[in-house]
């Protein structure tokens, strides 16, 4: 049997083999491309860790979550696209009318998509949340009426634990807006109410000096990214005046910085006989 006759007799089988081999090669090539994308994300997170702007454990959790999710989405998309294309081409080589099959599958797909549109919406929203890195594990977020720490970001739901320990499951498709208090930097905002007879310049100098000493200390130098910014008098009345202070901090460290500065300022006020407004006067002023 000549080569020409062999090819003519087994042309269908040869074409199917070529389709299958091509599909496998294409899948492997896309897998390599997916791994390179994941490596790019890894290097980006490593740079964040080198800048010491995120806890190492949380950064590792976030990195693992993002890379697994993105790699899974890319692999599944590539696998299904290649498999469907290879199947259609194979059926076409076998002489089956794929047009009718495509029409039927389109109708079924539309029916399934219509019935599961909320699920599709949740998954698509979850993909964009992960790809855009809107928030991740360890971030403190506000999603609607829910405020707390993100424990898991899935393609369908986000899990958030609030300060009372309650774990909230939020569907990604229902998220309209998100407030993230843990990206890049945060701000510790403090209001100090003083009795009206205190000297404004004196109390502001005490707050500034106390904050400066705190920032120079070994314990808090990493958390405080800049000197305290005394915004000045936020409110004044016949009973009190309020001085507002803002401090730029690392993400998720604004609350610890606020508590420590309040404690140190209280000690400094006591040493200088500075009287804060009493609780009774605060209620009267309100």
C-alpha atoms as a PDB file:
ATOM      1  CA  UNK A   1       0.000   0.000   0.000  1.00  0.00           C
ATOM      2  CA  UNK A   2       1.428   3.353  -1.054  1.00  0.00           C
ATOM      3  CA  UNK A   3       1.643   6.322   1.300  1.00  0.00           C
ATOM      4  CA  UNK A   4      -0.946   8.182  -0.741  1.00  0.00           C
ATOM      5  CA  UNK A   5      -3.451   5.348  -0.465  1.00  0.00           C
ATOM      6  CA  UNK A   6      -2.741   4.990   3.254  1.00  0.00           C
ATOM      7  CA  UNK A   7      -3.381   8.672   3.853  1.00  0.00           C
ATOM      8  CA  UNK A   8      -6.541   8.589   1.738  1.00  0.00           C
ATOM      9  CA  UNK A   9      -7.889   5.525   3.575  1.00  0.00           C
ATOM     10  CA  UNK A  10      -7.074   6.754   7.068  1.00  0.00           C
ATOM     11  CA  UNK A  11      -7.515  10.498   6.488  1.00  0.00           C
ATOM     12  CA  UNK A  12     -10.339  10.821   9.003  1.00  0.00           C
ATOM     13  CA  UNK A  13      -8.400   9.105  11.779  1.00  0.00           C
ATOM     14  CA  UNK A  14      -5.268  11.127  10.964  1.00  0.00           C
ATOM     15  CA  UNK A  15      -7.252  14.381  11.082  1.00  0.00           C
ATOM     16  CA  UNK A  16      -8.719  13.448  14.467  1.00  0.00           C
ATOM     17  CA  UNK A  17      -5.266  12.598  15.813  1.00  0.00           C
ATOM     18  CA  UNK A  18      -3.916  15.921  14.551  1.00  0.00           C
ATOM     19  CA  UNK A  19      -6.810  17.746  16.270  1.00  0.00           C
ATOM     20  CA  UNK A  20      -6.212  15.944  19.572  1.00  0.00           C
ATOM     21  CA  UNK A  21      -2.439  16.476  19.495  1.00  0.00           C
ATOM     22  CA  UNK A  22      -2.906  20.147  18.627  1.00  0.00           C
ATOM     23  CA  UNK A  23      -5.381  20.541  21.502  1.00  0.00           C
ATOM     24  CA  UNK A  24      -2.950  18.963  23.963  1.00  0.00           C
ATOM     25  CA  UNK A  25      -0.055  21.133  22.767  1.00  0.00           C
ATOM     26  CA  UNK A  26      -2.191  24.274  22.962  1.00  0.00           C
ATOM     27  CA  UNK A  27      -3.347  23.346  26.480  1.00  0.00           C
ATOM     28  CA  UNK A  28       0.264  22.881  27.611  1.00  0.00           C
ATOM     29  CA  UNK A  29       1.273  26.220  26.048  1.00  0.00           C
ATOM     30  CA  UNK A  30      -1.566  28.055  27.775  1.00  0.00           C
ATOM     31  CA  UNK A  31      -0.640  26.320  31.041  1.00  0.00           C
ATOM     32  CA  UNK A  32       2.878  27.716  30.780  1.00  0.00           C
ATOM     33  CA  UNK A  33       1.477  31.191  30.079  1.00  0.00           C
ATOM     34  CA  UNK A  34      -0.801  30.856  33.124  1.00  0.00           C
ATOM     35  CA  UNK A  35       2.167  29.971  35.334  1.00  0.00           C
ATOM     36  CA  UNK A  36       4.029  33.052  34.128  1.00  0.00           C
ATOM     37  CA  UNK A  37       1.065  35.237  35.058  1.00  0.00           C
ATOM     38  CA  UNK A  38       1.031  33.657  38.505  1.00  0.00           C
ATOM     39  CA  UNK A  39       4.776  34.309  38.894  1.00  0.00           C
ATOM     40  CA  UNK A  40       4.186  37.962  38.040  1.00  0.00           C
ATOM     41  CA  UNK A  41       1.595  38.186  40.811  1.00  0.00           C
ATOM     42  CA  UNK A  42       3.988  36.451  43.202  1.00  0.00           C
ATOM     43  CA  UNK A  43       6.737  38.976  42.506  1.00  0.00           C
ATOM     44  CA  UNK A  44       4.277  41.825  43.067  1.00  0.00           C
ATOM     45  CA  UNK A  45       3.252  40.506  46.471  1.00  0.00           C
ATOM     46  CA  UNK A  46       6.885  39.882  47.399  1.00  0.00           C
ATOM     47  CA  UNK A  47       7.632  43.542  46.737  1.00  0.00           C
ATOM     48  CA  UNK A  48       4.837  44.467  49.140  1.00  0.00           C
ATOM     49  CA  UNK A  49       6.370  42.191  51.779  1.00  0.00           C
ATOM     50  CA  UNK A  50       9.785  43.733  51.233  1.00  0.00           C
ATOM     51  CA  UNK A  51       8.298  47.180  51.855  1.00  0.00           C
ATOM     52  CA  UNK A  52       7.013  45.813  55.179  1.00  0.00           C
ATOM     53  CA  UNK A  53       3.557  47.146  54.530  1.00  0.00           C
ATOM     54  CA  UNK A  54       1.777  43.893  55.216  1.00  0.00           C
ATOM     55  CA  UNK A  55       2.131  41.143  57.784  1.00  0.00           C
ATOM     56  CA  UNK A  56       4.091  38.247  56.276  1.00  0.00           C
ATOM     57  CA  UNK A  57       1.519  35.607  57.216  1.00  0.00           C
ATOM     58  CA  UNK A  58      -1.401  37.593  55.816  1.00  0.00           C
ATOM     59  CA  UNK A  59       0.573  38.396  52.679  1.00  0.00           C
ATOM     60  CA  UNK A  60       1.276  34.708  52.154  1.00  0.00           C
ATOM     61  CA  UNK A  61      -2.401  33.819  52.622  1.00  0.00           C
ATOM     62  CA  UNK A  62      -3.436  36.530  50.211  1.00  0.00           C
ATOM     63  CA  UNK A  63      -0.816  35.460  47.675  1.00  0.00           C
ATOM     64  CA  UNK A  64      -1.868  31.809  47.860  1.00  0.00           C
ATOM     65  CA  UNK A  65      -5.528  32.707  47.512  1.00  0.00           C
ATOM     66  CA  UNK A  66      -5.077  35.008  44.529  1.00  0.00           C
ATOM     67  CA  UNK A  67      -2.705  32.748  42.622  1.00  0.00           C
ATOM     68  CA  UNK A  68      -4.849  29.650  43.137  1.00  0.00           C
ATOM     69  CA  UNK A  69      -8.015  31.464  42.103  1.00  0.00           C
ATOM     70  CA  UNK A  70      -6.512  33.131  39.053  1.00  0.00           C
ATOM     71  CA  UNK A  71      -4.699  29.966  37.956  1.00  0.00           C
ATOM     72  CA  UNK A  72      -7.892  27.939  38.408  1.00  0.00           C
ATOM     73  CA  UNK A  73      -9.969  30.401  36.379  1.00  0.00           C
ATOM     74  CA  UNK A  74      -7.430  30.547  33.561  1.00  0.00           C
ATOM     75  CA  UNK A  75      -6.920  26.770  33.454  1.00  0.00           C
ATOM     76  CA  UNK A  76     -10.640  26.015  33.493  1.00  0.00           C
ATOM     77  CA  UNK A  77     -11.360  28.571  30.795  1.00  0.00           C
ATOM     78  CA  UNK A  78      -8.573  27.251  28.581  1.00  0.00           C
ATOM     79  CA  UNK A  79      -9.538  23.613  29.166  1.00  0.00           C
ATOM     80  CA  UNK A  80     -13.202  24.110  28.336  1.00  0.00           C
ATOM     81  CA  UNK A  81     -12.523  26.302  25.304  1.00  0.00           C
ATOM     82  CA  UNK A  82      -9.990  23.868  23.842  1.00  0.00           C
ATOM     83  CA  UNK A  83     -12.093  20.785  24.669  1.00  0.00           C
ATOM     84  CA  UNK A  84     -15.249  22.180  23.076  1.00  0.00           C
ATOM     85  CA  UNK A  85     -13.371  23.321  19.968  1.00  0.00           C
ATOM     86  CA  UNK A  86     -11.636  19.950  19.600  1.00  0.00           C
ATOM     87  CA  UNK A  87     -14.935  18.092  20.092  1.00  0.00           C
ATOM     88  CA  UNK A  88     -16.710  20.152  17.436  1.00  0.00           C
ATOM     89  CA  UNK A  89     -13.870  19.638  14.942  1.00  0.00           C
ATOM     90  CA  UNK A  90     -13.775  15.898  15.682  1.00  0.00           C
ATOM     91  CA  UNK A  91     -17.518  15.500  15.169  1.00  0.00           C
ATOM     92  CA  UNK A  92     -17.225  17.448  11.944  1.00  0.00           C
ATOM     93  CA  UNK A  93     -14.521  15.036  10.713  1.00  0.00           C
ATOM     94  CA  UNK A  94     -16.813  12.100  11.522  1.00  0.00           C
ATOM     95  CA  UNK A  95     -19.509  13.598   9.308  1.00  0.00           C
ATOM     96  CA  UNK A  96     -21.882  14.608  12.078  1.00  0.00           C
ATOM     97  CA  UNK A  97     -23.884  17.791  11.550  1.00  0.00           C
ATOM     98  CA  UNK A  98     -22.475  20.005  14.288  1.00  0.00           C
ATOM     99  CA  UNK A  99     -24.696  22.922  13.354  1.00  0.00           C
ATOM    100  CA  UNK A 100     -27.733  21.285  14.893  1.00  0.00           C
ATOM    101  CA  UNK A 101     -25.758  20.357  18.015  1.00  0.00           C
ATOM    102  CA  UNK A 102     -24.497  23.911  18.382  1.00  0.00           C
ATOM    103  CA  UNK A 103     -28.053  25.246  18.070  1.00  0.00           C
ATOM    104  CA  UNK A 104     -29.338  22.851  20.730  1.00  0.00           C
ATOM    105  CA  UNK A 105     -26.415  23.572  23.071  1.00  0.00           C
ATOM    106  CA  UNK A 106     -26.972  27.309  22.622  1.00  0.00           C
ATOM    107  CA  UNK A 107     -30.616  26.994  23.661  1.00  0.00           C
ATOM    108  CA  UNK A 108     -29.694  24.815  26.643  1.00  0.00           C
ATOM    109  CA  UNK A 109     -26.914  27.203  27.642  1.00  0.00           C
ATOM    110  CA  UNK A 110     -29.287  30.169  27.480  1.00  0.00           C
ATOM    111  CA  UNK A 111     -31.859  28.335  29.610  1.00  0.00           C
ATOM    112  CA  UNK A 112     -29.275  27.311  32.196  1.00  0.00           C
ATOM    113  CA  UNK A 113     -27.753  30.803  32.223  1.00  0.00           C
ATOM    114  CA  UNK A 114     -31.179  32.404  32.728  1.00  0.00           C
ATOM    115  CA  UNK A 115     -32.000  30.044  35.601  1.00  0.00           C
ATOM    116  CA  UNK A 116     -28.613  30.515  37.263  1.00  0.00           C
ATOM    117  CA  UNK A 117     -28.039  34.177  36.429  1.00  0.00           C
ATOM    118  CA  UNK A 118     -27.519  35.139  40.079  1.00  0.00           C
ATOM    119  CA  UNK A 119     -24.862  32.431  40.407  1.00  0.00           C
ATOM    120  CA  UNK A 120     -23.149  33.617  37.226  1.00  0.00           C
ATOM    121  CA  UNK A 121     -23.271  37.187  38.522  1.00  0.00           C
ATOM    122  CA  UNK A 122     -21.668  36.127  41.816  1.00  0.00           C
ATOM    123  CA  UNK A 123     -18.865  34.228  40.069  1.00  0.00           C
ATOM    124  CA  UNK A 124     -18.096  37.008  37.589  1.00  0.00           C
ATOM    125  CA  UNK A 125     -18.000  39.555  40.417  1.00  0.00           C
ATOM    126  CA  UNK A 126     -15.705  37.258  42.411  1.00  0.00           C
ATOM    127  CA  UNK A 127     -13.329  36.959  39.464  1.00  0.00           C
ATOM    128  CA  UNK A 128     -13.064  40.746  39.147  1.00  0.00           C
ATOM    129  CA  UNK A 129     -12.598  41.141  42.926  1.00  0.00           C
ATOM    130  CA  UNK A 130      -9.637  38.742  42.843  1.00  0.00           C
ATOM    131  CA  UNK A 131      -8.112  40.023  39.593  1.00  0.00           C
ATOM    132  CA  UNK A 132      -8.370  43.686  40.656  1.00  0.00           C
ATOM    133  CA  UNK A 133      -7.276  42.872  44.229  1.00  0.00           C
ATOM    134  CA  UNK A 134     -10.084  44.998  45.675  1.00  0.00           C
ATOM    135  CA  UNK A 135      -9.542  43.260  49.013  1.00  0.00           C
ATOM    136  CA  UNK A 136      -7.979  40.088  50.352  1.00  0.00           C
ATOM    137  CA  UNK A 137      -7.471  37.919  53.418  1.00  0.00           C
ATOM    138  CA  UNK A 138      -6.662  40.056  56.464  1.00  0.00           C
ATOM    139  CA  UNK A 139      -8.115  43.314  55.112  1.00  0.00           C
ATOM    140  CA  UNK A 140     -10.555  45.274  57.258  1.00  0.00           C
ATOM    141  CA  UNK A 141     -13.495  46.180  55.040  1.00  0.00           C
ATOM    142  CA  UNK A 142     -16.968  47.654  55.107  1.00  0.00           C
ATOM    143  CA  UNK A 143     -19.386  45.907  52.749  1.00  0.00           C
ATOM    144  CA  UNK A 144     -22.846  47.387  53.093  1.00  0.00           C
ATOM    145  CA  UNK A 145     -23.876  46.977  56.725  1.00  0.00           C
ATOM    146  CA  UNK A 146     -21.098  44.436  57.403  1.00  0.00           C
ATOM    147  CA  UNK A 147     -17.789  45.625  58.844  1.00  0.00           C
ATOM    148  CA  UNK A 148     -14.960  43.283  59.779  1.00  0.00           C
ATOM    149  CA  UNK A 149     -11.868  41.322  58.744  1.00  0.00           C
ATOM    150  CA  UNK A 150     -11.863  39.321  55.530  1.00  0.00           C
ATOM    151  CA  UNK A 151     -11.177  35.641  56.220  1.00  0.00           C
ATOM    152  CA  UNK A 152     -11.765  34.204  52.754  1.00  0.00           C
ATOM    153  CA  UNK A 153     -12.489  35.466  49.250  1.00  0.00           C
ATOM    154  CA  UNK A 154     -14.186  32.889  47.041  1.00  0.00           C
ATOM    155  CA  UNK A 155     -15.534  33.177  43.532  1.00  0.00           C
ATOM    156  CA  UNK A 156     -19.111  33.118  44.858  1.00  0.00           C
ATOM    157  CA  UNK A 157     -19.007  34.504  48.411  1.00  0.00           C
ATOM    158  CA  UNK A 158     -16.764  36.592  50.646  1.00  0.00           C
ATOM    159  CA  UNK A 159     -16.430  35.655  54.317  1.00  0.00           C
ATOM    160  CA  UNK A 160     -16.092  38.549  56.790  1.00  0.00           C
ATOM    161  CA  UNK A 161     -15.783  38.223  60.588  1.00  0.00           C
ATOM    162  CA  UNK A 162     -16.937  41.250  62.582  1.00  0.00           C
ATOM    163  CA  UNK A 163     -15.645  42.474  65.959  1.00  0.00           C
ATOM    164  CA  UNK A 164     -18.214  40.321  67.791  1.00  0.00           C
ATOM    165  CA  UNK A 165     -16.882  37.153  66.172  1.00  0.00           C
ATOM    166  CA  UNK A 166     -19.833  36.673  63.829  1.00  0.00           C
ATOM    167  CA  UNK A 167     -18.860  35.256  60.433  1.00  0.00           C
ATOM    168  CA  UNK A 168     -20.775  36.897  57.592  1.00  0.00           C
ATOM    169  CA  UNK A 169     -21.170  35.323  54.146  1.00  0.00           C
ATOM    170  CA  UNK A 170     -21.592  38.046  51.521  1.00  0.00           C
ATOM    171  CA  UNK A 171     -22.509  37.118  47.950  1.00  0.00           C
ATOM    172  CA  UNK A 172     -20.077  38.782  45.567  1.00  0.00           C
ATOM    173  CA  UNK A 173     -22.821  39.669  43.101  1.00  0.00           C
ATOM    174  CA  UNK A 174     -24.611  41.719  45.771  1.00  0.00           C
ATOM    175  CA  UNK A 175     -21.582  43.891  46.580  1.00  0.00           C
ATOM    176  CA  UNK A 176     -22.155  47.402  45.238  1.00  0.00           C
ATOM    177  CA  UNK A 177     -19.327  49.236  46.996  1.00  0.00           C
ATOM    178  CA  UNK A 178     -16.516  48.298  49.353  1.00  0.00           C
ATOM    179  CA  UNK A 179     -14.551  50.388  51.830  1.00  0.00           C
ATOM    180  CA  UNK A 180     -11.068  48.926  52.418  1.00  0.00           C
ATOM    181  CA  UNK A 181      -9.167  50.260  55.432  1.00  0.00           C
ATOM    182  CA  UNK A 182      -6.109  48.068  54.793  1.00  0.00           C
ATOM    183  CA  UNK A 183      -4.680  49.122  51.446  1.00  0.00           C
ATOM    184  CA  UNK A 184      -1.397  51.069  51.197  1.00  0.00           C
ATOM    185  CA  UNK A 185      -1.890  53.144  54.375  1.00  0.00           C
ATOM    186  CA  UNK A 186      -4.434  54.128  56.989  1.00  0.00           C
ATOM    187  CA  UNK A 187      -5.134  57.116  59.229  1.00  0.00           C
ATOM    188  CA  UNK A 188      -5.564  57.233  62.995  1.00  0.00           C
ATOM    189  CA  UNK A 189      -8.048  60.025  63.709  1.00  0.00           C
ATOM    190  CA  UNK A 190      -8.388  61.225  67.314  1.00  0.00           C
ATOM    191  CA  UNK A 191     -10.543  63.910  68.943  1.00  0.00           C
ATOM    192  CA  UNK A 192      -9.487  65.270  72.358  1.00  0.00           C
ATOM    193  CA  UNK A 193     -12.210  67.218  74.251  1.00  0.00           C
ATOM    194  CA  UNK A 194     -10.890  69.782  76.759  1.00  0.00           C
ATOM    195  CA  UNK A 195     -12.539  71.976  79.327  1.00  0.00           C
ATOM    196  CA  UNK A 196     -12.905  75.518  77.991  1.00  0.00           C
ATOM    197  CA  UNK A 197     -10.415  77.088  80.441  1.00  0.00           C
ATOM    198  CA  UNK A 198      -7.410  75.120  79.077  1.00  0.00           C
ATOM    199  CA  UNK A 199      -4.834  76.829  76.858  1.00  0.00           C
ATOM    200  CA  UNK A 200      -5.193  75.657  73.236  1.00  0.00           C
ATOM    201  CA  UNK A 201      -1.553  76.155  72.245  1.00  0.00           C
ATOM    202  CA  UNK A 202      -0.350  74.298  75.312  1.00  0.00           C
ATOM    203  CA  UNK A 203      -2.516  71.214  74.779  1.00  0.00           C
ATOM    204  CA  UNK A 204      -1.621  71.075  71.083  1.00  0.00           C
ATOM    205  CA  UNK A 205       2.096  71.228  71.926  1.00  0.00           C
ATOM    206  CA  UNK A 206       1.692  68.418  74.474  1.00  0.00           C
ATOM    207  CA  UNK A 207      -0.101  66.234  71.913  1.00  0.00           C
ATOM    208  CA  UNK A 208       2.522  66.959  69.253  1.00  0.00           C
ATOM    209  CA  UNK A 209       5.475  66.269  71.575  1.00  0.00           C
ATOM    210  CA  UNK A 210       3.873  63.069  72.852  1.00  0.00           C
ATOM    211  CA  UNK A 211       3.197  61.817  69.331  1.00  0.00           C
ATOM    212  CA  UNK A 212       6.770  62.665  68.263  1.00  0.00           C
ATOM    213  CA  UNK A 213       8.233  60.678  71.162  1.00  0.00           C
ATOM    214  CA  UNK A 214       5.943  57.798  70.342  1.00  0.00           C
ATOM    215  CA  UNK A 215       7.066  57.744  66.708  1.00  0.00           C
ATOM    216  CA  UNK A 216      10.742  57.731  67.723  1.00  0.00           C
ATOM    217  CA  UNK A 217      10.229  54.737  69.999  1.00  0.00           C
ATOM    218  CA  UNK A 218      11.327  51.329  68.745  1.00  0.00           C
ATOM    219  CA  UNK A 219       7.896  49.804  69.280  1.00  0.00           C
ATOM    220  CA  UNK A 220       5.912  52.315  67.204  1.00  0.00           C
ATOM    221  CA  UNK A 221       8.399  53.690  64.656  1.00  0.00           C
ATOM    222  CA  UNK A 222       7.388  51.097  62.066  1.00  0.00           C
ATOM    223  CA  UNK A 223       3.632  51.626  62.484  1.00  0.00           C
ATOM    224  CA  UNK A 224       3.660  55.428  62.248  1.00  0.00           C
ATOM    225  CA  UNK A 225       4.523  56.474  58.688  1.00  0.00           C
ATOM    226  CA  UNK A 226       4.582  60.232  59.376  1.00  0.00           C
ATOM    227  CA  UNK A 227       4.522  62.749  62.209  1.00  0.00           C
ATOM    228  CA  UNK A 228       1.205  63.531  63.821  1.00  0.00           C
ATOM    229  CA  UNK A 229      -0.761  66.213  62.003  1.00  0.00           C
ATOM    230  CA  UNK A 230      -2.553  68.537  64.447  1.00  0.00           C
ATOM    231  CA  UNK A 231      -5.592  69.716  62.543  1.00  0.00           C
ATOM    232  CA  UNK A 232      -6.527  72.162  65.298  1.00  0.00           C
ATOM    233  CA  UNK A 233      -9.836  72.995  66.910  1.00  0.00           C
ATOM    234  CA  UNK A 234     -12.591  70.814  65.530  1.00  0.00           C
ATOM    235  CA  UNK A 235     -15.293  72.230  67.802  1.00  0.00           C
ATOM    236  CA  UNK A 236     -15.668  74.996  70.402  1.00  0.00           C
ATOM    237  CA  UNK A 237     -18.489  75.987  72.746  1.00  0.00           C
ATOM    238  CA  UNK A 238     -18.935  77.600  76.137  1.00  0.00           C
ATOM    239  CA  UNK A 239     -18.210  74.262  77.831  1.00  0.00           C
ATOM    240  CA  UNK A 240     -15.441  72.690  75.719  1.00  0.00           C
ATOM    241  CA  UNK A 241     -13.186  72.736  72.708  1.00  0.00           C
ATOM    242  CA  UNK A 242     -12.099  69.688  70.691  1.00  0.00           C
ATOM    243  CA  UNK A 243      -8.664  69.235  69.109  1.00  0.00           C
ATOM    244  CA  UNK A 244      -8.402  66.794  66.198  1.00  0.00           C
ATOM    245  CA  UNK A 245      -5.229  64.842  65.394  1.00  0.00           C
ATOM    246  CA  UNK A 246      -4.467  62.660  62.365  1.00  0.00           C
ATOM    247  CA  UNK A 247      -1.598  60.160  62.026  1.00  0.00           C
ATOM    248  CA  UNK A 248      -0.672  58.221  58.885  1.00  0.00           C
ATOM    249  CA  UNK A 249      -0.079  54.554  59.787  1.00  0.00           C
ATOM    250  CA  UNK A 250       0.438  51.128  58.295  1.00  0.00           C
ATOM    251  CA  UNK A 251      -2.751  49.326  57.232  1.00  0.00           C
ATOM    252  CA  UNK A 252      -4.680  47.782  60.131  1.00  0.00           C
ATOM    253  CA  UNK A 253      -2.444  49.544  62.690  1.00  0.00           C
ATOM    254  CA  UNK A 254      -4.450  52.763  63.043  1.00  0.00           C
ATOM    255  CA  UNK A 255      -6.481  51.450  65.972  1.00  0.00           C
ATOM    256  CA  UNK A 256      -3.454  50.278  67.978  1.00  0.00           C
ATOM    257  CA  UNK A 257      -1.712  53.617  67.358  1.00  0.00           C
ATOM    258  CA  UNK A 258      -4.836  55.512  68.446  1.00  0.00           C
ATOM    259  CA  UNK A 259      -5.159  53.580  71.687  1.00  0.00           C
ATOM    260  CA  UNK A 260      -1.492  54.011  72.602  1.00  0.00           C
ATOM    261  CA  UNK A 261      -1.464  57.728  71.824  1.00  0.00           C
ATOM    262  CA  UNK A 262      -4.577  58.277  73.928  1.00  0.00           C
ATOM    263  CA  UNK A 263      -2.892  56.544  76.864  1.00  0.00           C
ATOM    264  CA  UNK A 264       0.336  58.531  76.531  1.00  0.00           C
ATOM    265  CA  UNK A 265      -1.522  61.817  76.099  1.00  0.00           C
ATOM    266  CA  UNK A 266      -3.617  61.096  79.191  1.00  0.00           C
ATOM    267  CA  UNK A 267      -0.412  60.633  81.195  1.00  0.00           C
ATOM    268  CA  UNK A 268       1.038  63.840  79.742  1.00  0.00           C
ATOM    269  CA  UNK A 269      -2.141  65.792  80.495  1.00  0.00           C
ATOM    270  CA  UNK A 270      -2.107  64.586  84.103  1.00  0.00           C
ATOM    271  CA  UNK A 271       1.528  65.648  84.487  1.00  0.00           C
ATOM    272  CA  UNK A 272       0.714  69.141  83.228  1.00  0.00           C
ATOM    273  CA  UNK A 273      -2.578  69.533  85.118  1.00  0.00           C
ATOM    274  CA  UNK A 274      -4.600  69.660  81.900  1.00  0.00           C
ATOM    275  CA  UNK A 275      -8.261  68.911  82.516  1.00  0.00           C
ATOM    276  CA  UNK A 276     -10.225  66.972  79.951  1.00  0.00           C
ATOM    277  CA  UNK A 277     -13.942  67.656  79.729  1.00  0.00           C
ATOM    278  CA  UNK A 278     -15.840  65.469  82.220  1.00  0.00           C
ATOM    279  CA  UNK A 279     -18.437  62.978  81.078  1.00  0.00           C
ATOM    280  CA  UNK A 280     -21.174  65.066  82.712  1.00  0.00           C
ATOM    281  CA  UNK A 281     -20.148  68.175  80.825  1.00  0.00           C
ATOM    282  CA  UNK A 282     -19.902  66.219  77.558  1.00  0.00           C
ATOM    283  CA  UNK A 283     -23.494  65.038  77.985  1.00  0.00           C
ATOM    284  CA  UNK A 284     -24.601  68.564  78.843  1.00  0.00           C
ATOM    285  CA  UNK A 285     -22.794  69.945  75.806  1.00  0.00           C
ATOM    286  CA  UNK A 286     -24.530  67.439  73.575  1.00  0.00           C
END
